[in-house]
């Protein structure tokens, strides 16, 4: 049996494979960071790994809703930078 690692994209609300998403985590120390290992402890939200999804998430402030706390705009900038480095 093949294990599917599906997670919900916070922008499109579609279930995608974990490898097609970027995870943003809020840990117990109220630190918000990008988790490229997908294993960090804390509440996580997933954004599709493309620039358009990151821009929509920033525009609608979707990471703040998903993490249930205020997310600094620098996290969105880091996501955009990460995407630009990969492509």
PDB file of N, CA and C in Angstrom:
ATOM      1  N   UNK A   1       0.844  -1.191   0.000  1.00  0.00           N
ATOM      2  CA  UNK A   1       0.000   0.000   0.000  1.00  0.00           C
ATOM      3  C   UNK A   1       0.881   1.244   0.000  1.00  0.00           C
ATOM      4  N   UNK A   2       0.594   2.165  -0.899  1.00  0.00           N
ATOM      5  CA  UNK A   2       1.365   3.393  -1.007  1.00  0.00           C
ATOM      6  C   UNK A   2       0.759   4.442  -0.090  1.00  0.00           C
ATOM      7  N   UNK A   3       1.622   5.062   0.712  1.00  0.00           N
ATOM      8  CA  UNK A   3       1.168   6.086   1.637  1.00  0.00           C
ATOM      9  C   UNK A   3       1.144   7.439   0.929  1.00  0.00           C
ATOM     10  N   UNK A   4       0.006   8.101   0.933  1.00  0.00           N
ATOM     11  CA  UNK A   4      -0.105   9.418   0.329  1.00  0.00           C
ATOM     12  C   UNK A   4       0.104  10.481   1.391  1.00  0.00           C
ATOM     13  N   UNK A   5       1.010  11.388   1.127  1.00  0.00           N
ATOM     14  CA  UNK A   5       1.266  12.487   2.043  1.00  0.00           C
ATOM     15  C   UNK A   5       0.581  13.744   1.524  1.00  0.00           C
ATOM     16  N   UNK A   6      -0.736  13.757   1.590  1.00  0.00           N
ATOM     17  CA  UNK A   6      -1.501  14.880   1.087  1.00  0.00           C
ATOM     18  C   UNK A   6      -1.702  15.915   2.186  1.00  0.00           C
ATOM     19  N   UNK A   7      -1.566  17.172   1.796  1.00  0.00           N
ATOM     20  CA  UNK A   7      -1.807  18.291   2.701  1.00  0.00           C
ATOM     21  C   UNK A   7      -2.629  19.329   1.939  1.00  0.00           C
ATOM     22  N   UNK A   8      -3.359  20.170   2.683  1.00  0.00           N
ATOM     23  CA  UNK A   8      -4.224  21.166   2.058  1.00  0.00           C
ATOM     24  C   UNK A   8      -3.472  22.481   1.864  1.00  0.00           C
ATOM     25  N   UNK A   9      -3.491  22.962   0.631  1.00  0.00           N
ATOM     26  CA  UNK A   9      -2.911  24.260   0.301  1.00  0.00           C
ATOM     27  C   UNK A   9      -3.818  25.348   0.866  1.00  0.00           C
ATOM     28  N   UNK A  10      -3.233  26.282   1.614  1.00  0.00           N
ATOM     29  CA  UNK A  10      -4.010  27.320   2.281  1.00  0.00           C
ATOM     30  C   UNK A  10      -4.623  28.303   1.270  1.00  0.00           C
ATOM     31  N   UNK A  11      -4.072  28.384   0.077  1.00  0.00           N
ATOM     32  CA  UNK A  11      -4.579  29.318  -0.936  1.00  0.00           C
ATOM     33  C   UNK A  11      -5.714  28.702  -1.744  1.00  0.00           C
ATOM     34  N   UNK A  12      -5.447  27.567  -2.372  1.00  0.00           N
ATOM     35  CA  UNK A  12      -6.442  26.973  -3.272  1.00  0.00           C
ATOM     36  C   UNK A  12      -7.374  25.988  -2.571  1.00  0.00           C
ATOM     37  N   UNK A  13      -7.035  25.587  -1.360  1.00  0.00           N
ATOM     38  CA  UNK A  13      -7.805  24.624  -0.561  1.00  0.00           C
ATOM     39  C   UNK A  13      -7.815  23.223  -1.172  1.00  0.00           C
ATOM     40  N   UNK A  14      -6.929  22.961  -2.135  1.00  0.00           N
ATOM     41  CA  UNK A  14      -6.881  21.634  -2.727  1.00  0.00           C
ATOM     42  C   UNK A  14      -5.846  20.766  -2.014  1.00  0.00           C
ATOM     43  N   UNK A  15      -6.094  19.474  -2.004  1.00  0.00           N
ATOM     44  CA  UNK A  15      -5.195  18.517  -1.389  1.00  0.00           C
ATOM     45  C   UNK A  15      -4.084  18.184  -2.383  1.00  0.00           C
ATOM     46  N   UNK A  16      -2.846  18.433  -1.963  1.00  0.00           N
ATOM     47  CA  UNK A  16      -1.696  18.197  -2.824  1.00  0.00           C
ATOM     48  C   UNK A  16      -0.672  17.360  -2.075  1.00  0.00           C
ATOM     49  N   UNK A  17       0.228  16.734  -2.827  1.00  0.00           N
ATOM     50  CA  UNK A  17       1.315  15.995  -2.205  1.00  0.00           C
ATOM     51  C   UNK A  17       2.199  16.967  -1.434  1.00  0.00           C
ATOM     52  N   UNK A  18       2.661  16.516  -0.298  1.00  0.00           N
ATOM     53  CA  UNK A  18       3.468  17.339   0.595  1.00  0.00           C
ATOM     54  C   UNK A  18       4.694  17.929  -0.108  1.00  0.00           C
ATOM     55  N   UNK A  19       5.257  17.187  -1.047  1.00  0.00           N
ATOM     56  CA  UNK A  19       6.465  17.653  -1.730  1.00  0.00           C
ATOM     57  C   UNK A  19       6.208  18.838  -2.667  1.00  0.00           C
ATOM     58  N   UNK A  20       4.945  19.097  -3.016  1.00  0.00           N
ATOM     59  CA  UNK A  20       4.607  20.215  -3.895  1.00  0.00           C
ATOM     60  C   UNK A  20       4.275  21.476  -3.098  1.00  0.00           C
ATOM     61  N   UNK A  21       4.457  21.410  -1.777  1.00  0.00           N
ATOM     62  CA  UNK A  21       4.079  22.501  -0.898  1.00  0.00           C
ATOM     63  C   UNK A  21       5.258  22.961  -0.053  1.00  0.00           C
ATOM     64  N   UNK A  22       5.150  24.175   0.462  1.00  0.00           N
ATOM     65  CA  UNK A  22       6.122  24.706   1.420  1.00  0.00           C
ATOM     66  C   UNK A  22       5.398  24.828   2.756  1.00  0.00           C
ATOM     67  N   UNK A  23       6.041  24.397   3.831  1.00  0.00           N
ATOM     68  CA  UNK A  23       5.428  24.433   5.157  1.00  0.00           C
ATOM     69  C   UNK A  23       5.945  25.627   5.949  1.00  0.00           C
ATOM     70  N   UNK A  24       5.016  26.359   6.553  1.00  0.00           N
ATOM     71  CA  UNK A  24       5.349  27.464   7.448  1.00  0.00           C
ATOM     72  C   UNK A  24       4.854  27.066   8.827  1.00  0.00           C
ATOM     73  N   UNK A  25       5.712  27.210   9.853  1.00  0.00           N
ATOM     74  CA  UNK A  25       5.436  26.673  11.186  1.00  0.00           C
ATOM     75  C   UNK A  25       5.420  27.778  12.240  1.00  0.00           C
ATOM     76  N   UNK A  26       4.507  27.624  13.191  1.00  0.00           N
ATOM     77  CA  UNK A  26       4.486  28.425  14.414  1.00  0.00           C
ATOM     78  C   UNK A  26       4.796  27.465  15.542  1.00  0.00           C
ATOM     79  N   UNK A  27       5.948  27.642  16.224  1.00  0.00           N
ATOM     80  CA  UNK A  27       6.308  26.709  17.297  1.00  0.00           C
ATOM     81  C   UNK A  27       5.855  27.223  18.665  1.00  0.00           C
ATOM     82  N   UNK A  28       6.170  26.473  19.709  1.00  0.00           N
ATOM     83  CA  UNK A  28       5.719  26.807  21.064  1.00  0.00           C
ATOM     84  C   UNK A  28       6.305  28.120  21.576  1.00  0.00           C
ATOM     85  N   UNK A  29       7.424  28.546  21.007  1.00  0.00           N
ATOM     86  CA  UNK A  29       8.060  29.801  21.414  1.00  0.00           C
ATOM     87  C   UNK A  29       7.548  30.991  20.603  1.00  0.00           C
ATOM     88  N   UNK A  30       6.449  30.772  19.868  1.00  0.00           N
ATOM     89  CA  UNK A  30       5.837  31.789  19.012  1.00  0.00           C
ATOM     90  C   UNK A  30       6.781  32.288  17.930  1.00  0.00           C
ATOM     91  N   UNK A  31       7.668  31.418  17.463  1.00  0.00           N
ATOM     92  CA  UNK A  31       8.544  31.737  16.346  1.00  0.00           C
ATOM     93  C   UNK A  31       7.896  31.201  15.076  1.00  0.00           C
ATOM     94  N   UNK A  32       7.896  32.010  14.048  1.00  0.00           N
ATOM     95  CA  UNK A  32       7.329  31.599  12.757  1.00  0.00           C
ATOM     96  C   UNK A  32       8.481  31.469  11.774  1.00  0.00           C
ATOM     97  N   UNK A  33       8.548  30.314  11.110  1.00  0.00           N
ATOM     98  CA  UNK A  33       9.639  30.072  10.177  1.00  0.00           C
ATOM     99  C   UNK A  33       9.220  29.088   9.098  1.00  0.00           C
ATOM    100  N   UNK A  34      10.009  29.043   8.036  1.00  0.00           N
ATOM    101  CA  UNK A  34       9.766  28.121   6.926  1.00  0.00           C
ATOM    102  C   UNK A  34      10.450  26.810   7.256  1.00  0.00           C
ATOM    103  N   UNK A  35       9.699  25.721   7.182  1.00  0.00           N
ATOM    104  CA  UNK A  35      10.212  24.390   7.532  1.00  0.00           C
ATOM    105  C   UNK A  35      10.370  23.564   6.257  1.00  0.00           C
ATOM    106  N   UNK A  36      11.598  23.473   5.774  1.00  0.00           N
ATOM    107  CA  UNK A  36      11.851  22.708   4.552  1.00  0.00           C
ATOM    108  C   UNK A  36      11.996  21.215   4.830  1.00  0.00           C
ATOM    109  N   UNK A  37      12.105  20.832   6.112  1.00  0.00           N
ATOM    110  CA  UNK A  37      12.220  19.415   6.467  1.00  0.00           C
ATOM    111  C   UNK A  37      10.856  18.774   6.660  1.00  0.00           C
ATOM    112  N   UNK A  38       9.815  19.586   6.830  1.00  0.00           N
ATOM    113  CA  UNK A  38       8.438  19.120   7.086  1.00  0.00           C
ATOM    114  C   UNK A  38       8.328  18.368   8.414  1.00  0.00           C
ATOM    115  N   UNK A  39       9.286  18.537   9.319  1.00  0.00           N
ATOM    116  CA  UNK A  39       9.283  17.760  10.556  1.00  0.00           C
ATOM    117  C   UNK A  39       9.316  18.608  11.819  1.00  0.00           C
ATOM    118  N   UNK A  40       9.385  19.916  11.707  1.00  0.00           N
ATOM    119  CA  UNK A  40       9.490  20.770  12.884  1.00  0.00           C
ATOM    120  C   UNK A  40       8.208  20.697  13.713  1.00  0.00           C
ATOM    121  N   UNK A  41       8.369  20.772  15.033  1.00  0.00           N
ATOM    122  CA  UNK A  41       7.220  20.766  15.929  1.00  0.00           C
ATOM    123  C   UNK A  41       6.474  22.083  15.828  1.00  0.00           C
ATOM    124  N   UNK A  42       5.161  22.011  15.953  1.00  0.00           N
ATOM    125  CA  UNK A  42       4.343  23.208  15.962  1.00  0.00           C
ATOM    126  C   UNK A  42       3.223  23.139  14.949  1.00  0.00           C
ATOM    127  N   UNK A  43       2.420  24.186  14.933  1.00  0.00           N
ATOM    128  CA  UNK A  43       1.297  24.288  14.002  1.00  0.00           C
ATOM    129  C   UNK A  43       1.853  24.679  12.642  1.00  0.00           C
ATOM    130  N   UNK A  44       1.461  23.962  11.625  1.00  0.00           N
ATOM    131  CA  UNK A  44       1.974  24.241  10.288  1.00  0.00           C
ATOM    132  C   UNK A  44       0.867  24.510   9.290  1.00  0.00           C
ATOM    133  N   UNK A  45       1.169  25.368   8.333  1.00  0.00           N
ATOM    134  CA  UNK A  45       0.282  25.596   7.198  1.00  0.00           C
ATOM    135  C   UNK A  45       1.111  25.411   5.930  1.00  0.00           C
ATOM    136  N   UNK A  46       0.446  25.042   4.862  1.00  0.00           N
ATOM    137  CA  UNK A  46       1.125  24.714   3.615  1.00  0.00           C
ATOM    138  C   UNK A  46       0.702  25.661   2.504  1.00  0.00           C
ATOM    139  N   UNK A  47       1.690  26.089   1.722  1.00  0.00           N
ATOM    140  CA  UNK A  47       1.458  26.953   0.571  1.00  0.00           C
ATOM    141  C   UNK A  47       2.060  26.267  -0.640  1.00  0.00           C
ATOM    142  N   UNK A  48       1.322  26.271  -1.750  1.00  0.00           N
ATOM    143  CA  UNK A  48       1.827  25.666  -2.986  1.00  0.00           C
ATOM    144  C   UNK A  48       3.136  26.343  -3.376  1.00  0.00           C
ATOM    145  N   UNK A  49       4.030  25.556  -3.893  1.00  0.00           N
ATOM    146  CA  UNK A  49       5.374  26.031  -4.221  1.00  0.00           C
ATOM    147  C   UNK A  49       5.384  26.772  -5.561  1.00  0.00           C
ATOM    148  N   UNK A  50       4.637  27.876  -5.634  1.00  0.00           N
ATOM    149  CA  UNK A  50       4.738  28.756  -6.801  1.00  0.00           C
ATOM    150  C   UNK A  50       4.518  30.205  -6.371  1.00  0.00           C
ATOM    151  N   UNK A  51       5.072  31.099  -7.149  1.00  0.00           N
ATOM    152  CA  UNK A  51       5.087  32.512  -6.784  1.00  0.00           C
ATOM    153  C   UNK A  51       3.687  33.104  -6.699  1.00  0.00           C
ATOM    154  N   UNK A  52       2.789  32.692  -7.584  1.00  0.00           N
ATOM    155  CA  UNK A  52       1.429  33.214  -7.584  1.00  0.00           C
ATOM    156  C   UNK A  52       0.702  32.874  -6.278  1.00  0.00           C
ATOM    157  N   UNK A  53       0.861  31.652  -5.791  1.00  0.00           N
ATOM    158  CA  UNK A  53       0.218  31.244  -4.535  1.00  0.00           C
ATOM    159  C   UNK A  53       0.749  32.056  -3.361  1.00  0.00           C
ATOM    160  N   UNK A  54       2.046  32.302  -3.355  1.00  0.00           N
ATOM    161  CA  UNK A  54       2.652  33.100  -2.281  1.00  0.00           C
ATOM    162  C   UNK A  54       2.096  34.518  -2.307  1.00  0.00           C
ATOM    163  N   UNK A  55       1.942  35.089  -3.499  1.00  0.00           N
ATOM    164  CA  UNK A  55       1.413  36.454  -3.607  1.00  0.00           C
ATOM    165  C   UNK A  55      -0.043  36.530  -3.149  1.00  0.00           C
ATOM    166  N   UNK A  56      -0.841  35.531  -3.493  1.00  0.00           N
ATOM    167  CA  UNK A  56      -2.237  35.504  -3.056  1.00  0.00           C
ATOM    168  C   UNK A  56      -2.304  35.351  -1.537  1.00  0.00           C
ATOM    169  N   UNK A  57      -1.458  34.471  -0.985  1.00  0.00           N
ATOM    170  CA  UNK A  57      -1.421  34.280   0.473  1.00  0.00           C
ATOM    171  C   UNK A  57      -1.054  35.582   1.177  1.00  0.00           C
ATOM    172  N   UNK A  58      -0.117  36.322   0.605  1.00  0.00           N
ATOM    173  CA  UNK A  58       0.296  37.601   1.187  1.00  0.00           C
ATOM    174  C   UNK A  58      -0.833  38.618   1.096  1.00  0.00           C
ATOM    175  N   UNK A  59      -1.469  38.689  -0.065  1.00  0.00           N
ATOM    176  CA  UNK A  59      -2.544  39.657  -0.294  1.00  0.00           C
ATOM    177  C   UNK A  59      -3.719  39.428   0.657  1.00  0.00           C
ATOM    178  N   UNK A  60      -4.071  38.165   0.882  1.00  0.00           N
ATOM    179  CA  UNK A  60      -5.227  37.832   1.717  1.00  0.00           C
ATOM    180  C   UNK A  60      -4.844  37.518   3.155  1.00  0.00           C
ATOM    181  N   UNK A  61      -3.546  37.581   3.464  1.00  0.00           N
ATOM    182  CA  UNK A  61      -3.025  37.320   4.809  1.00  0.00           C
ATOM    183  C   UNK A  61      -3.432  35.924   5.309  1.00  0.00           C
ATOM    184  N   UNK A  62      -3.292  34.926   4.454  1.00  0.00           N
ATOM    185  CA  UNK A  62      -3.766  33.581   4.750  1.00  0.00           C
ATOM    186  C   UNK A  62      -2.911  32.843   5.775  1.00  0.00           C
ATOM    187  N   UNK A  63      -1.624  33.155   5.858  1.00  0.00           N
ATOM    188  CA  UNK A  63      -0.785  32.480   6.849  1.00  0.00           C
ATOM    189  C   UNK A  63      -1.207  32.878   8.265  1.00  0.00           C
ATOM    190  N   UNK A  64      -1.580  34.132   8.455  1.00  0.00           N
ATOM    191  CA  UNK A  64      -2.043  34.580   9.770  1.00  0.00           C
ATOM    192  C   UNK A  64      -3.303  33.837  10.188  1.00  0.00           C
ATOM    193  N   UNK A  65      -4.200  33.635   9.253  1.00  0.00           N
ATOM    194  CA  UNK A  65      -5.435  32.894   9.559  1.00  0.00           C
ATOM    195  C   UNK A  65      -5.128  31.447   9.902  1.00  0.00           C
ATOM    196  N   UNK A  66      -4.284  30.822   9.106  1.00  0.00           N
ATOM    197  CA  UNK A  66      -3.969  29.414   9.322  1.00  0.00           C
ATOM    198  C   UNK A  66      -3.202  29.156  10.601  1.00  0.00           C
ATOM    199  N   UNK A  67      -2.296  30.065  10.952  1.00  0.00           N
ATOM    200  CA  UNK A  67      -1.499  29.900  12.167  1.00  0.00           C
ATOM    201  C   UNK A  67      -2.167  30.516  13.390  1.00  0.00           C
ATOM    202  N   UNK A  68      -3.257  31.223  13.169  1.00  0.00           N
ATOM    203  CA  UNK A  68      -4.037  31.847  14.244  1.00  0.00           C
ATOM    204  C   UNK A  68      -3.203  32.825  15.066  1.00  0.00           C
ATOM    205  N   UNK A  69      -2.347  33.574  14.389  1.00  0.00           N
ATOM    206  CA  UNK A  69      -1.550  34.623  15.005  1.00  0.00           C
ATOM    207  C   UNK A  69      -1.095  35.585  13.915  1.00  0.00           C
ATOM    208  N   UNK A  70      -0.552  36.730  14.304  1.00  0.00           N
ATOM    209  CA  UNK A  70      -0.084  37.700  13.316  1.00  0.00           C
ATOM    210  C   UNK A  70       1.240  37.237  12.721  1.00  0.00           C
ATOM    211  N   UNK A  71       1.291  37.211  11.387  1.00  0.00           N
ATOM    212  CA  UNK A  71       2.499  36.809  10.673  1.00  0.00           C
ATOM    213  C   UNK A  71       3.143  38.046  10.070  1.00  0.00           C
ATOM    214  N   UNK A  72       4.423  38.228  10.356  1.00  0.00           N
ATOM    215  CA  UNK A  72       5.170  39.362   9.835  1.00  0.00           C
ATOM    216  C   UNK A  72       5.324  39.231   8.319  1.00  0.00           C
ATOM    217  N   UNK A  73       5.317  40.342   7.610  1.00  0.00           N
ATOM    218  CA  UNK A  73       5.433  40.320   6.155  1.00  0.00           C
ATOM    219  C   UNK A  73       6.776  39.761   5.694  1.00  0.00           C
ATOM    220  N   UNK A  74       7.769  39.741   6.564  1.00  0.00           N
ATOM    221  CA  UNK A  74       9.082  39.211   6.183  1.00  0.00           C
ATOM    222  C   UNK A  74       9.001  37.720   5.838  1.00  0.00           C
ATOM    223  N   UNK A  75       8.058  36.991   6.436  1.00  0.00           N
ATOM    224  CA  UNK A  75       7.887  35.564   6.115  1.00  0.00           C
ATOM    225  C   UNK A  75       7.459  35.415   4.653  1.00  0.00           C
ATOM    226  N   UNK A  76       6.549  36.270   4.200  1.00  0.00           N
ATOM    227  CA  UNK A  76       6.124  36.227   2.803  1.00  0.00           C
ATOM    228  C   UNK A  76       7.293  36.563   1.877  1.00  0.00           C
ATOM    229  N   UNK A  77       8.113  37.539   2.304  1.00  0.00           N
ATOM    230  CA  UNK A  77       9.288  37.905   1.505  1.00  0.00           C
ATOM    231  C   UNK A  77      10.269  36.741   1.428  1.00  0.00           C
ATOM    232  N   UNK A  78      10.444  36.019   2.545  1.00  0.00           N
ATOM    233  CA  UNK A  78      11.320  34.846   2.548  1.00  0.00           C
ATOM    234  C   UNK A  78      10.790  33.767   1.603  1.00  0.00           C
ATOM    235  N   UNK A  79       9.469  33.578   1.599  1.00  0.00           N
ATOM    236  CA  UNK A  79       8.863  32.596   0.699  1.00  0.00           C
ATOM    237  C   UNK A  79       9.109  32.969  -0.765  1.00  0.00           C
ATOM    238  N   UNK A  80       8.941  34.258  -1.085  1.00  0.00           N
ATOM    239  CA  UNK A  80       9.186  34.712  -2.457  1.00  0.00           C
ATOM    240  C   UNK A  80      10.654  34.521  -2.820  1.00  0.00           C
ATOM    241  N   UNK A  81      11.545  34.847  -1.898  1.00  0.00           N
ATOM    242  CA  UNK A  81      12.981  34.685  -2.141  1.00  0.00           C
ATOM    243  C   UNK A  81      13.321  33.206  -2.355  1.00  0.00           C
ATOM    244  N   UNK A  82      12.743  32.336  -1.532  1.00  0.00           N
ATOM    245  CA  UNK A  82      12.973  30.907  -1.650  1.00  0.00           C
ATOM    246  C   UNK A  82      12.504  30.392  -3.008  1.00  0.00           C
ATOM    247  N   UNK A  83      11.345  30.851  -3.433  1.00  0.00           N
ATOM    248  CA  UNK A  83      10.820  30.424  -4.732  1.00  0.00           C
ATOM    249  C   UNK A  83      11.720  30.899  -5.863  1.00  0.00           C
ATOM    250  N   UNK A  84      12.175  32.152  -5.787  1.00  0.00           N
ATOM    251  CA  UNK A  84      13.035  32.699  -6.833  1.00  0.00           C
ATOM    252  C   UNK A  84      14.372  31.970  -6.910  1.00  0.00           C
ATOM    253  N   UNK A  85      14.886  31.491  -5.773  1.00  0.00           N
ATOM    254  CA  UNK A  85      16.149  30.739  -5.753  1.00  0.00           C
ATOM    255  C   UNK A  85      15.978  29.366  -6.394  1.00  0.00           C
ATOM    256  N   UNK A  86      14.806  28.767  -6.224  1.00  0.00           N
ATOM    257  CA  UNK A  86      14.570  27.426  -6.763  1.00  0.00           C
ATOM    258  C   UNK A  86      14.383  27.453  -8.272  1.00  0.00           C
ATOM    259  N   UNK A  87      13.904  28.561  -8.802  1.00  0.00           N
ATOM    260  CA  UNK A  87      13.630  28.632 -10.253  1.00  0.00           C
ATOM    261  C   UNK A  87      14.574  29.529 -10.977  1.00  0.00           C
TER     262      UNK A  87
END
